[in-house]
Amino acid sequence: MQMHPCGCSLKHDAEREPDPDGRTEKQRIADEFARGWRCPIAMGEPSFGAVGPCDRDGGRGETIAAVERLTGADLSDVTTCPVVMAYRDDVHRAMRAWRWRRRGGIRNVEPNPPAALLDAVDEIDAGVEACKAEAERRAAQKMRDEMEARRG
């Protein structure tokens, strides 16, 4: 499977490239991926989805499917690169509330949090716990595989 990164991620990499020729080439590649994904961030369009939906050809469908498997989320209605969701204001608000709730002080930043925000924080908790459980499962499987390989 060939993964297809979003142009916005590649654009950030290109901006940090010290070699001018390398930067130009990385920017060209970033622009190509941004067009394929119709990335509103890399294309300079602040309203998400306004540039039209991406097609799922050229590996983009496989990339979205991989993100679905990793996160357990249904991304059937995603119209652009899944990375773009991390830039949304409501996602930042939910992450901020989640961090403060972990410290026991959500009311410091959200004195009267709406139910939707609390639901989002619960979903973040569930996702974090699922990622931890998957990492532990993989580590245990790796250990079992290594022990089995030593036994021969």
N, C-alpha and C. Protein backbone atom coordinates (compact mmCIF):
# COMPACT_ATOMS: atom_id res chain seq x y z
N MET A 1 0.85 -1.18 0.00
CA MET A 1 0.00 0.00 0.00
C MET A 1 0.89 1.24 0.00
N GLN A 2 0.56 2.16 -0.87
CA GLN A 2 1.30 3.41 -0.94
C GLN A 2 0.50 4.48 -0.22
N MET A 3 1.08 5.05 0.83
CA MET A 3 0.38 6.09 1.59
C MET A 3 0.53 7.42 0.86
N HIS A 4 -0.46 8.26 1.06
CA HIS A 4 -0.49 9.56 0.41
C HIS A 4 -0.61 10.64 1.46
N PRO A 5 0.51 11.24 1.84
CA PRO A 5 0.44 12.32 2.84
C PRO A 5 -0.24 13.54 2.26
N CYS A 6 -0.74 14.36 3.14
CA CYS A 6 -1.40 15.58 2.70
C CYS A 6 -0.36 16.64 2.34
N GLY A 7 -0.74 17.50 1.44
CA GLY A 7 0.15 18.58 1.04
C GLY A 7 0.52 19.52 2.16
N CYS A 8 -0.39 19.70 3.14
CA CYS A 8 -0.08 20.63 4.23
C CYS A 8 1.08 20.08 5.07
N SER A 9 1.11 18.78 5.29
CA SER A 9 2.21 18.19 6.05
C SER A 9 3.52 18.33 5.29
N LEU A 10 3.46 18.03 3.99
CA LEU A 10 4.66 18.14 3.17
C LEU A 10 5.11 19.59 3.01
N LYS A 11 4.16 20.50 2.98
CA LYS A 11 4.49 21.92 2.86
C LYS A 11 5.29 22.38 4.07
N HIS A 12 4.89 21.93 5.27
CA HIS A 12 5.64 22.28 6.48
C HIS A 12 7.06 21.72 6.41
N ASP A 13 7.19 20.50 5.91
CA ASP A 13 8.52 19.89 5.75
C ASP A 13 9.36 20.70 4.76
N ALA A 14 8.74 21.13 3.66
CA ALA A 14 9.45 21.89 2.64
C ALA A 14 9.96 23.21 3.20
N GLU A 15 9.15 23.86 4.03
CA GLU A 15 9.54 25.15 4.61
C GLU A 15 10.75 25.02 5.51
N ARG A 16 10.96 23.84 6.09
CA ARG A 16 12.10 23.64 6.99
C ARG A 16 13.34 23.08 6.28
N GLU A 17 13.22 22.83 4.99
CA GLU A 17 14.33 22.28 4.22
C GLU A 17 15.41 23.35 4.01
N PRO A 18 16.65 23.12 4.49
CA PRO A 18 17.68 24.15 4.35
C PRO A 18 18.22 24.29 2.93
N ASP A 19 18.20 23.22 2.14
CA ASP A 19 18.73 23.26 0.78
C ASP A 19 17.69 23.88 -0.16
N PRO A 20 18.02 24.97 -0.86
CA PRO A 20 17.05 25.63 -1.73
C PRO A 20 16.48 24.71 -2.82
N ASP A 21 17.35 23.90 -3.44
CA ASP A 21 16.86 22.98 -4.47
C ASP A 21 15.94 21.92 -3.87
N GLY A 22 16.32 21.41 -2.70
CA GLY A 22 15.50 20.43 -2.00
C GLY A 22 14.16 21.03 -1.59
N ARG A 23 14.21 22.29 -1.14
CA ARG A 23 12.97 22.98 -0.73
C ARG A 23 12.03 23.13 -1.92
N THR A 24 12.58 23.53 -3.08
CA THR A 24 11.77 23.70 -4.29
C THR A 24 11.13 22.38 -4.70
N GLU A 25 11.90 21.29 -4.65
CA GLU A 25 11.37 19.98 -5.03
C GLU A 25 10.32 19.50 -4.03
N LYS A 26 10.57 19.70 -2.75
CA LYS A 26 9.58 19.30 -1.74
C LYS A 26 8.30 20.13 -1.88
N GLN A 27 8.45 21.41 -2.21
CA GLN A 27 7.27 22.26 -2.40
C GLN A 27 6.46 21.79 -3.60
N ARG A 28 7.15 21.38 -4.68
CA ARG A 28 6.46 20.88 -5.87
C ARG A 28 5.66 19.62 -5.53
N ILE A 29 6.27 18.72 -4.77
CA ILE A 29 5.60 17.49 -4.37
C ILE A 29 4.43 17.82 -3.43
N ALA A 30 4.65 18.76 -2.51
CA ALA A 30 3.58 19.17 -1.59
C ALA A 30 2.39 19.72 -2.36
N ASP A 31 2.65 20.55 -3.36
CA ASP A 31 1.57 21.12 -4.16
C ASP A 31 0.79 20.03 -4.90
N GLU A 32 1.51 19.05 -5.41
CA GLU A 32 0.86 17.93 -6.12
C GLU A 32 -0.07 17.16 -5.18
N PHE A 33 0.41 16.84 -3.98
CA PHE A 33 -0.42 16.12 -3.03
C PHE A 33 -1.59 16.99 -2.55
N ALA A 34 -1.34 18.27 -2.34
CA ALA A 34 -2.41 19.17 -1.90
C ALA A 34 -3.53 19.23 -2.93
N ARG A 35 -3.17 19.29 -4.21
CA ARG A 35 -4.20 19.30 -5.25
C ARG A 35 -4.98 17.99 -5.25
N GLY A 36 -4.28 16.87 -5.10
CA GLY A 36 -4.96 15.58 -5.08
C GLY A 36 -5.93 15.44 -3.93
N TRP A 37 -5.50 15.92 -2.77
CA TRP A 37 -6.36 15.85 -1.58
C TRP A 37 -7.36 17.00 -1.54
N ARG A 38 -7.14 18.02 -2.35
CA ARG A 38 -7.92 19.27 -2.29
C ARG A 38 -7.84 19.85 -0.87
N CYS A 39 -6.62 19.91 -0.38
CA CYS A 39 -6.36 20.33 0.98
C CYS A 39 -6.61 21.83 1.14
N PRO A 40 -7.59 22.22 1.96
CA PRO A 40 -7.88 23.64 2.12
C PRO A 40 -6.77 24.41 2.83
N ILE A 41 -5.98 23.74 3.64
CA ILE A 41 -4.89 24.42 4.35
C ILE A 41 -3.75 24.72 3.38
N ALA A 42 -3.28 23.70 2.68
CA ALA A 42 -2.18 23.89 1.75
C ALA A 42 -2.58 24.76 0.57
N MET A 43 -3.88 24.73 0.22
CA MET A 43 -4.35 25.53 -0.90
C MET A 43 -4.78 26.93 -0.46
N GLY A 44 -4.62 27.23 0.82
CA GLY A 44 -4.92 28.57 1.32
C GLY A 44 -6.39 28.89 1.41
N GLU A 45 -7.23 27.86 1.59
CA GLU A 45 -8.68 28.06 1.69
C GLU A 45 -9.10 27.82 3.13
N PRO A 46 -9.44 28.87 3.87
CA PRO A 46 -9.72 28.71 5.29
C PRO A 46 -11.01 27.95 5.61
N SER A 47 -12.00 27.93 4.70
CA SER A 47 -13.24 27.23 5.02
C SER A 47 -13.14 25.79 4.54
N PHE A 48 -13.15 24.87 5.48
CA PHE A 48 -12.91 23.47 5.20
C PHE A 48 -13.92 22.92 4.22
N GLY A 49 -13.42 22.21 3.21
CA GLY A 49 -14.28 21.58 2.23
C GLY A 49 -14.73 22.50 1.11
N ALA A 50 -14.38 23.77 1.17
CA ALA A 50 -14.86 24.71 0.17
C ALA A 50 -14.22 24.48 -1.20
N VAL A 51 -13.10 23.79 -1.24
CA VAL A 51 -12.43 23.56 -2.52
C VAL A 51 -12.95 22.31 -3.21
N GLY A 52 -13.94 21.66 -2.65
CA GLY A 52 -14.54 20.48 -3.26
C GLY A 52 -13.92 19.20 -2.76
N PRO A 53 -14.65 18.09 -2.87
CA PRO A 53 -14.16 16.83 -2.32
C PRO A 53 -13.03 16.24 -3.16
N CYS A 54 -12.12 15.57 -2.48
CA CYS A 54 -11.05 14.86 -3.18
C CYS A 54 -11.62 13.57 -3.74
N ASP A 55 -10.96 13.05 -4.76
CA ASP A 55 -11.35 11.71 -5.19
C ASP A 55 -10.53 10.73 -4.35
N ARG A 56 -10.95 9.52 -4.30
CA ARG A 56 -10.27 8.53 -3.46
C ARG A 56 -9.38 7.63 -4.29
N ASP A 57 -9.00 8.11 -5.47
CA ASP A 57 -8.09 7.35 -6.32
C ASP A 57 -6.65 7.65 -5.94
N GLY A 58 -5.74 6.98 -6.58
CA GLY A 58 -4.32 7.26 -6.38
C GLY A 58 -3.84 6.99 -4.98
N GLY A 59 -4.49 6.08 -4.27
CA GLY A 59 -4.05 5.73 -2.93
C GLY A 59 -4.71 6.51 -1.82
N ARG A 60 -5.42 7.59 -2.14
CA ARG A 60 -6.05 8.38 -1.09
C ARG A 60 -7.10 7.57 -0.35
N GLY A 61 -7.84 6.75 -1.07
CA GLY A 61 -8.83 5.89 -0.42
C GLY A 61 -8.18 4.91 0.55
N GLU A 62 -7.02 4.37 0.16
CA GLU A 62 -6.29 3.47 1.05
C GLU A 62 -5.80 4.20 2.29
N THR A 63 -5.36 5.43 2.11
CA THR A 63 -4.90 6.23 3.24
C THR A 63 -6.05 6.49 4.20
N ILE A 64 -7.21 6.88 3.67
CA ILE A 64 -8.36 7.14 4.52
C ILE A 64 -8.77 5.85 5.24
N ALA A 65 -8.75 4.72 4.53
CA ALA A 65 -9.09 3.44 5.16
C ALA A 65 -8.12 3.10 6.28
N ALA A 66 -6.83 3.40 6.09
CA ALA A 66 -5.83 3.15 7.13
C ALA A 66 -6.09 4.02 8.36
N VAL A 67 -6.47 5.27 8.14
CA VAL A 67 -6.80 6.16 9.27
C VAL A 67 -8.04 5.63 9.99
N GLU A 68 -9.01 5.13 9.23
CA GLU A 68 -10.21 4.55 9.85
C GLU A 68 -9.84 3.36 10.73
N ARG A 69 -8.97 2.48 10.22
CA ARG A 69 -8.54 1.32 11.01
C ARG A 69 -7.79 1.75 12.27
N LEU A 70 -6.94 2.74 12.13
CA LEU A 70 -6.14 3.21 13.26
C LEU A 70 -6.99 3.87 14.33
N THR A 71 -7.95 4.68 13.90
CA THR A 71 -8.73 5.47 14.86
C THR A 71 -10.07 4.85 15.22
N GLY A 72 -10.55 3.93 14.39
CA GLY A 72 -11.88 3.38 14.61
C GLY A 72 -12.99 4.33 14.19
N ALA A 73 -12.64 5.42 13.54
CA ALA A 73 -13.62 6.42 13.11
C ALA A 73 -14.17 6.08 11.73
N ASP A 74 -15.41 6.47 11.48
CA ASP A 74 -16.01 6.33 10.16
C ASP A 74 -15.71 7.62 9.39
N LEU A 75 -14.88 7.51 8.38
CA LEU A 75 -14.49 8.69 7.60
C LEU A 75 -15.12 8.67 6.21
N SER A 76 -16.26 8.00 6.08
CA SER A 76 -16.89 7.90 4.77
C SER A 76 -17.32 9.26 4.21
N ASP A 77 -17.52 10.23 5.09
CA ASP A 77 -17.93 11.55 4.62
C ASP A 77 -16.77 12.55 4.51
N VAL A 78 -15.53 12.08 4.70
CA VAL A 78 -14.37 12.96 4.60
C VAL A 78 -14.19 13.40 3.15
N THR A 79 -14.03 14.68 2.96
CA THR A 79 -13.90 15.22 1.60
C THR A 79 -12.49 15.72 1.30
N THR A 80 -11.60 15.61 2.26
CA THR A 80 -10.23 16.06 2.06
C THR A 80 -9.33 15.23 2.96
N CYS A 81 -8.08 15.60 3.05
CA CYS A 81 -7.12 14.88 3.88
C CYS A 81 -7.59 14.84 5.33
N PRO A 82 -7.50 13.66 5.98
CA PRO A 82 -7.92 13.58 7.39
C PRO A 82 -7.13 14.50 8.32
N VAL A 83 -5.92 14.90 7.93
CA VAL A 83 -5.10 15.79 8.77
C VAL A 83 -5.80 17.12 8.99
N VAL A 84 -6.58 17.56 8.02
CA VAL A 84 -7.21 18.88 8.10
C VAL A 84 -8.12 19.00 9.32
N MET A 85 -8.65 17.87 9.78
CA MET A 85 -9.55 17.92 10.94
C MET A 85 -8.82 18.41 12.19
N ALA A 86 -7.54 18.15 12.27
CA ALA A 86 -6.78 18.58 13.45
C ALA A 86 -6.64 20.09 13.53
N TYR A 87 -6.91 20.79 12.45
CA TYR A 87 -6.78 22.25 12.42
C TYR A 87 -8.09 22.96 12.79
N ARG A 88 -9.16 22.21 12.97
CA ARG A 88 -10.45 22.82 13.25
C ARG A 88 -10.47 23.41 14.66
N ASP A 89 -11.14 24.56 14.81
CA ASP A 89 -11.23 25.23 16.11
C ASP A 89 -11.92 24.36 17.15
N ASP A 90 -12.97 23.63 16.75
CA ASP A 90 -13.68 22.80 17.73
C ASP A 90 -12.83 21.65 18.22
N VAL A 91 -11.93 21.16 17.38
CA VAL A 91 -11.02 20.08 17.80
C VAL A 91 -10.01 20.64 18.80
N HIS A 92 -9.50 21.83 18.53
CA HIS A 92 -8.57 22.45 19.48
C HIS A 92 -9.25 22.72 20.82
N ARG A 93 -10.48 23.16 20.76
CA ARG A 93 -11.22 23.42 22.00
C ARG A 93 -11.41 22.12 22.79
N ALA A 94 -11.77 21.05 22.11
CA ALA A 94 -11.96 19.76 22.78
C ALA A 94 -10.65 19.24 23.37
N MET A 95 -9.56 19.37 22.63
CA MET A 95 -8.26 18.91 23.15
C MET A 95 -7.84 19.73 24.37
N ARG A 96 -8.08 21.03 24.31
CA ARG A 96 -7.74 21.89 25.46
C ARG A 96 -8.57 21.47 26.68
N ALA A 97 -9.86 21.25 26.48
CA ALA A 97 -10.73 20.82 27.58
C ALA A 97 -10.28 19.46 28.11
N TRP A 98 -9.89 18.56 27.22
CA TRP A 98 -9.42 17.22 27.64
C TRP A 98 -8.17 17.34 28.52
N ARG A 99 -7.21 18.17 28.07
CA ARG A 99 -5.98 18.34 28.88
C ARG A 99 -6.31 18.90 30.26
N TRP A 100 -7.20 19.88 30.31
CA TRP A 100 -7.55 20.46 31.61
C TRP A 100 -8.35 19.49 32.47
N ARG A 101 -9.20 18.68 31.86
CA ARG A 101 -9.95 17.69 32.64
C ARG A 101 -9.01 16.67 33.27
N ARG A 102 -7.97 16.28 32.53
CA ARG A 102 -6.99 15.33 33.08
C ARG A 102 -6.32 15.88 34.33
N ARG A 103 -6.20 17.20 34.39
CA ARG A 103 -5.59 17.85 35.56
C ARG A 103 -6.62 18.20 36.62
N GLY A 104 -7.88 17.88 36.35
CA GLY A 104 -8.94 18.17 37.31
C GLY A 104 -9.44 19.59 37.28
N GLY A 105 -9.16 20.32 36.20
CA GLY A 105 -9.54 21.73 36.18
C GLY A 105 -10.26 22.17 34.93
N ILE A 106 -11.11 21.33 34.36
CA ILE A 106 -11.79 21.70 33.12
C ILE A 106 -12.60 22.99 33.29
N ARG A 107 -13.13 23.20 34.49
CA ARG A 107 -13.95 24.40 34.72
C ARG A 107 -13.10 25.68 34.72
N ASN A 108 -11.79 25.54 34.79
CA ASN A 108 -10.91 26.71 34.67
C ASN A 108 -10.97 27.30 33.27
N VAL A 109 -11.16 26.45 32.27
CA VAL A 109 -11.18 26.93 30.88
C VAL A 109 -12.57 26.87 30.27
N GLU A 110 -13.44 26.06 30.85
CA GLU A 110 -14.82 25.93 30.37
C GLU A 110 -15.73 25.95 31.60
N PRO A 111 -16.08 27.13 32.11
CA PRO A 111 -16.88 27.22 33.33
C PRO A 111 -18.21 26.46 33.26
N ASN A 112 -18.82 26.44 32.08
CA ASN A 112 -20.09 25.74 31.90
C ASN A 112 -20.01 24.95 30.59
N PRO A 113 -19.25 23.86 30.58
CA PRO A 113 -19.02 23.15 29.31
C PRO A 113 -20.30 22.54 28.75
N PRO A 114 -20.55 22.75 27.46
CA PRO A 114 -21.73 22.15 26.84
C PRO A 114 -21.57 20.63 26.76
N ALA A 115 -22.69 19.94 26.71
CA ALA A 115 -22.68 18.48 26.66
C ALA A 115 -21.89 17.96 25.47
N ALA A 116 -21.99 18.64 24.34
CA ALA A 116 -21.25 18.19 23.15
C ALA A 116 -19.75 18.23 23.38
N LEU A 117 -19.28 19.23 24.10
CA LEU A 117 -17.86 19.32 24.41
C LEU A 117 -17.45 18.20 25.35
N LEU A 118 -18.25 17.93 26.35
CA LEU A 118 -17.95 16.83 27.27
C LEU A 118 -17.96 15.49 26.55
N ASP A 119 -18.89 15.32 25.60
CA ASP A 119 -18.91 14.10 24.79
C ASP A 119 -17.62 13.99 23.97
N ALA A 120 -17.17 15.10 23.41
CA ALA A 120 -15.93 15.09 22.62
C ALA A 120 -14.75 14.72 23.50
N VAL A 121 -14.71 15.25 24.72
CA VAL A 121 -13.63 14.92 25.66
C VAL A 121 -13.67 13.43 26.00
N ASP A 122 -14.86 12.88 26.19
CA ASP A 122 -14.99 11.45 26.44
C ASP A 122 -14.48 10.63 25.26
N GLU A 123 -14.78 11.08 24.05
CA GLU A 123 -14.30 10.38 22.85
C GLU A 123 -12.78 10.44 22.77
N ILE A 124 -12.20 11.57 23.12
CA ILE A 124 -10.74 11.68 23.13
C ILE A 124 -10.16 10.69 24.14
N ASP A 125 -10.75 10.64 25.35
CA ASP A 125 -10.31 9.66 26.35
C ASP A 125 -10.37 8.24 25.80
N ALA A 126 -11.48 7.90 25.17
CA ALA A 126 -11.64 6.55 24.63
C ALA A 126 -10.59 6.27 23.56
N GLY A 127 -10.32 7.25 22.72
CA GLY A 127 -9.32 7.07 21.68
C GLY A 127 -7.92 6.90 22.25
N VAL A 128 -7.59 7.69 23.25
CA VAL A 128 -6.27 7.58 23.88
C VAL A 128 -6.12 6.21 24.54
N GLU A 129 -7.15 5.78 25.24
CA GLU A 129 -7.10 4.46 25.90
C GLU A 129 -6.99 3.34 24.86
N ALA A 130 -7.72 3.46 23.76
CA ALA A 130 -7.64 2.45 22.71
C ALA A 130 -6.25 2.41 22.09
N CYS A 131 -5.64 3.57 21.89
CA CYS A 131 -4.26 3.61 21.36
C CYS A 131 -3.28 2.97 22.33
N LYS A 132 -3.43 3.25 23.62
CA LYS A 132 -2.56 2.65 24.63
C LYS A 132 -2.72 1.13 24.63
N ALA A 133 -3.97 0.67 24.58
CA ALA A 133 -4.23 -0.77 24.58
C ALA A 133 -3.64 -1.43 23.34
N GLU A 134 -3.77 -0.78 22.20
CA GLU A 134 -3.20 -1.33 20.96
C GLU A 134 -1.68 -1.37 21.03
N ALA A 135 -1.06 -0.33 21.57
CA ALA A 135 0.39 -0.31 21.71
C ALA A 135 0.86 -1.42 22.65
N GLU A 136 0.14 -1.63 23.74
CA GLU A 136 0.48 -2.71 24.67
C GLU A 136 0.30 -4.07 24.01
N ARG A 137 -0.78 -4.22 23.23
CA ARG A 137 -1.01 -5.48 22.54
C ARG A 137 0.12 -5.77 21.55
N ARG A 138 0.52 -4.75 20.79
CA ARG A 138 1.61 -4.93 19.82
C ARG A 138 2.93 -5.25 20.51
N ALA A 139 3.22 -4.57 21.62
CA ALA A 139 4.46 -4.83 22.36
C ALA A 139 4.46 -6.26 22.89
N ALA A 140 3.33 -6.72 23.42
CA ALA A 140 3.25 -8.08 23.93
C ALA A 140 3.40 -9.09 22.80
N GLN A 141 2.79 -8.80 21.64
CA GLN A 141 2.92 -9.70 20.50
C GLN A 141 4.36 -9.75 20.01
N LYS A 142 5.01 -8.61 19.98
CA LYS A 142 6.41 -8.55 19.55
C LYS A 142 7.28 -9.37 20.49
N MET A 143 7.02 -9.26 21.79
CA MET A 143 7.79 -10.02 22.77
C MET A 143 7.55 -11.52 22.56
N ARG A 144 6.30 -11.91 22.36
CA ARG A 144 6.00 -13.33 22.12
C ARG A 144 6.68 -13.83 20.86
N ASP A 145 6.65 -13.02 19.80
CA ASP A 145 7.29 -13.41 18.54
C ASP A 145 8.79 -13.57 18.71
N GLU A 146 9.42 -12.64 19.45
CA GLU A 146 10.86 -12.73 19.68
C GLU A 146 11.22 -13.96 20.51
N MET A 147 10.41 -14.25 21.52
CA MET A 147 10.67 -15.42 22.34
C MET A 147 10.49 -16.70 21.52
N GLU A 148 9.51 -16.73 20.67
CA GLU A 148 9.27 -17.89 19.82
C GLU A 148 10.42 -18.07 18.81
N ALA A 149 10.92 -16.95 18.29
CA ALA A 149 12.03 -17.01 17.34
C ALA A 149 13.29 -17.54 18.02
N ARG A 150 13.52 -17.19 19.28
CA ARG A 150 14.71 -17.67 20.02
C ARG A 150 14.63 -19.17 20.28
N ARG A 151 13.40 -19.63 20.51
CA ARG A 151 13.22 -21.08 20.75
C ARG A 151 13.46 -21.88 19.50
N GLY A 152 13.27 -21.22 18.38
CA GLY A 152 13.62 -21.81 17.11
C GLY A 152 12.65 -22.71 16.53
